[in-house]
N, C-alpha and C. Protein backbone atom coordinates (compact mmCIF):
# COMPACT_ATOMS: atom_id res chain seq x y z
N MET A 1 1.51 190.14 218.53
CA MET A 1 0.55 190.08 217.72
C MET A 1 -0.50 189.01 218.03
N GLU A 2 -0.12 188.13 218.93
CA GLU A 2 -1.16 187.18 219.37
C GLU A 2 -1.81 188.23 220.03
N ALA A 3 -1.22 188.83 221.16
CA ALA A 3 -1.69 189.72 222.18
C ALA A 3 -3.10 190.58 221.59
N GLY A 4 -2.39 191.37 220.06
CA GLY A 4 -3.41 192.16 219.64
C GLY A 4 -4.99 191.45 219.40
N ARG A 5 -4.91 190.22 218.60
CA ARG A 5 -6.06 189.27 218.50
C ARG A 5 -6.34 188.55 219.32
N ALA A 6 -5.91 188.36 220.89
CA ALA A 6 -7.00 188.35 221.92
C ALA A 6 -7.47 189.28 222.22
N ARG A 7 -6.87 190.78 222.43
CA ARG A 7 -7.72 191.89 222.64
C ARG A 7 -8.48 192.11 221.69
N ALA A 8 -8.54 192.03 220.46
CA ALA A 8 -9.86 191.78 219.77
C ALA A 8 -10.87 191.34 220.18
N ARG A 9 -10.62 189.87 220.39
CA ARG A 9 -11.65 188.96 220.50
C ARG A 9 -12.13 189.61 221.85
N GLY A 10 -11.45 190.23 222.53
CA GLY A 10 -12.79 190.84 223.85
C GLY A 10 -12.01 189.47 224.94
N GLU A 11 -11.02 188.71 224.85
CA GLU A 11 -10.00 187.71 225.87
C GLU A 11 -9.11 188.33 226.66
N MET A 12 -8.79 189.32 226.40
CA MET A 12 -7.76 190.33 227.00
C MET A 12 -8.07 192.05 227.35
N ALA A 13 -7.50 192.46 228.54
CA ALA A 13 -7.72 193.96 228.71
C ALA A 13 -6.51 194.63 228.27
N MET A 14 -6.90 195.87 227.81
CA MET A 14 -5.77 196.71 226.96
C MET A 14 -4.30 196.45 227.35
N SER A 15 -4.39 196.87 228.75
CA SER A 15 -3.28 196.81 229.71
C SER A 15 -2.56 195.62 229.84
N GLU A 16 -3.26 193.89 229.81
CA GLU A 16 -2.33 192.81 229.72
C GLU A 16 -1.92 192.95 228.09
N ALA A 17 -2.52 193.52 227.20
CA ALA A 17 -2.13 193.28 225.90
C ALA A 17 -1.22 194.04 225.20
N GLN A 18 -1.03 195.02 225.93
CA GLN A 18 0.17 196.11 225.77
C GLN A 18 1.40 195.28 226.29
N ALA A 19 1.41 195.02 227.41
CA ALA A 19 2.19 194.36 228.35
C ALA A 19 2.93 192.91 227.40
N ALA A 20 2.08 191.94 226.94
CA ALA A 20 2.25 191.37 225.73
C ALA A 20 3.00 191.80 224.65
N SER A 21 2.57 192.84 224.42
CA SER A 21 3.51 193.39 223.11
C SER A 21 4.72 193.87 223.32
N ASP A 22 4.82 194.39 224.63
CA ASP A 22 6.49 194.97 225.12
C ASP A 22 7.03 193.85 225.29
N ALA A 23 6.44 192.81 225.67
CA ALA A 23 7.20 191.48 225.77
C ALA A 23 8.26 191.10 224.71
N ASP A 24 7.24 191.00 223.63
CA ASP A 24 7.49 190.44 222.16
C ASP A 24 8.33 191.58 221.67
N ALA A 25 8.39 192.79 221.99
CA ALA A 25 9.35 193.75 221.52
C ALA A 25 10.68 193.57 222.09
N ALA A 26 10.83 193.40 223.25
CA ALA A 26 12.04 193.17 224.09
C ALA A 26 12.52 191.82 223.25
N THR A 27 11.75 191.01 223.16
CA THR A 27 12.40 189.08 222.81
C THR A 27 13.00 189.34 221.08
N ALA A 28 12.34 190.41 220.44
CA ALA A 28 12.51 190.90 219.13
C ALA A 28 14.22 191.61 219.28
N ARG A 29 14.27 192.56 220.39
CA ARG A 29 15.55 193.65 220.27
C ARG A 29 16.58 192.40 221.15
N GLU A 30 16.38 191.48 221.81
CA GLU A 30 17.20 190.84 222.23
C GLU A 30 17.83 189.92 221.12
N ARG A 31 17.05 189.25 219.94
CA ARG A 31 17.64 188.53 219.33
C ARG A 31 18.23 189.13 218.30
N GLU A 32 17.83 190.54 217.97
CA GLU A 32 18.59 191.33 217.23
C GLU A 32 20.17 191.76 217.53
N TRP A 33 19.98 191.93 218.74
CA TRP A 33 21.01 192.65 219.56
C TRP A 33 22.31 190.95 219.29
N GLN A 34 21.81 189.54 219.72
CA GLN A 34 22.55 188.52 219.78
C GLN A 34 23.19 188.57 218.44
N LEU A 35 22.19 188.59 217.14
CA LEU A 35 22.37 188.16 215.74
C LEU A 35 23.71 189.04 215.25
N ARG A 36 23.25 190.48 215.68
CA ARG A 36 24.55 191.69 215.32
C ARG A 36 25.76 191.10 215.70
N ARG A 37 26.01 190.69 216.93
CA ARG A 37 27.26 190.48 217.85
C ARG A 37 27.92 188.69 217.51
N LEU A 38 26.92 188.22 216.43
CA LEU A 38 27.80 186.66 216.33
C LEU A 38 28.36 187.12 215.23
N PRO A 39 29.33 186.20 215.08
CA PRO A 39 30.06 185.94 213.48
C PRO A 39 29.45 185.95 212.36
N VAL A 40 29.42 185.95 211.31
CA VAL A 40 28.48 185.51 210.35
C VAL A 40 28.60 184.21 209.86
N HIS A 41 29.94 183.59 210.27
CA HIS A 41 29.95 181.96 209.56
C HIS A 41 29.09 181.40 211.01
N LEU A 42 28.74 181.73 211.96
CA LEU A 42 28.03 180.98 213.06
C LEU A 42 26.34 181.04 213.02
N ARG A 43 26.25 182.07 212.58
CA ARG A 43 24.64 182.66 212.23
C ARG A 43 23.71 181.55 212.00
N PRO A 44 23.59 180.68 211.02
CA PRO A 44 23.16 179.67 210.77
C PRO A 44 23.09 178.42 211.38
N MET A 45 23.92 178.62 212.15
CA MET A 45 23.69 177.59 213.56
C MET A 45 22.82 178.07 214.80
N ALA A 46 23.30 179.34 214.74
CA ALA A 46 22.97 179.78 216.14
C ALA A 46 21.22 180.19 215.57
N PHE A 47 20.71 180.45 214.78
CA PHE A 47 19.18 181.22 214.00
C PHE A 47 19.18 180.44 212.78
N PRO A 48 18.72 178.91 212.88
CA PRO A 48 18.83 178.00 212.10
C PRO A 48 17.45 178.23 210.99
N SER A 49 16.80 179.47 211.18
CA SER A 49 15.48 179.84 210.37
C SER A 49 15.96 180.48 209.19
N GLY A 50 17.06 181.79 209.22
CA GLY A 50 17.55 182.05 207.94
C GLY A 50 16.72 183.38 207.79
N GLY A 51 15.44 183.82 209.03
CA GLY A 51 14.81 184.98 208.64
C GLY A 51 15.54 186.35 209.29
N ALA A 52 15.99 185.80 210.06
CA ALA A 52 16.74 186.85 210.85
C ALA A 52 17.83 187.27 210.23
N CYS A 53 18.79 186.27 209.67
CA CYS A 53 19.61 186.74 208.87
C CYS A 53 19.83 187.29 207.82
N ALA A 54 18.89 187.77 207.09
CA ALA A 54 18.50 188.51 205.83
C ALA A 54 18.74 190.16 206.39
N THR A 55 17.96 190.41 207.91
CA THR A 55 18.14 191.63 208.32
C THR A 55 19.04 192.34 209.04
N ALA A 56 20.21 190.90 209.43
CA ALA A 56 21.48 191.77 209.91
C ALA A 56 22.63 191.47 208.80
N GLY A 57 22.90 191.48 207.53
CA GLY A 57 23.74 191.13 206.87
C GLY A 57 24.30 189.78 206.58
N GLY A 58 23.49 188.91 207.24
CA GLY A 58 24.08 187.44 207.58
C GLY A 58 24.14 187.32 205.77
N PRO A 59 24.12 185.58 205.94
CA PRO A 59 24.02 184.88 204.58
C PRO A 59 22.65 185.03 203.84
N GLY A 60 21.09 185.41 204.20
CA GLY A 60 20.13 185.29 203.41
C GLY A 60 20.29 186.89 203.03
N SER A 61 20.96 187.57 203.08
CA SER A 61 20.59 188.59 202.73
C SER A 61 21.31 189.31 201.41
């Protein structure tokens, strides 16, 4: 998201913005992968924000 804003401000080339966006997406996929494999009772300790738990059937959903 921040890469898109930097691109809009002209601070970043399109290819750099795309690479940053791809990295953000990969990070989100990795977090979801970890969350799905973590037992529900441990999710609040690993992901204290609670935001990710709502998407994976955890205590926040």
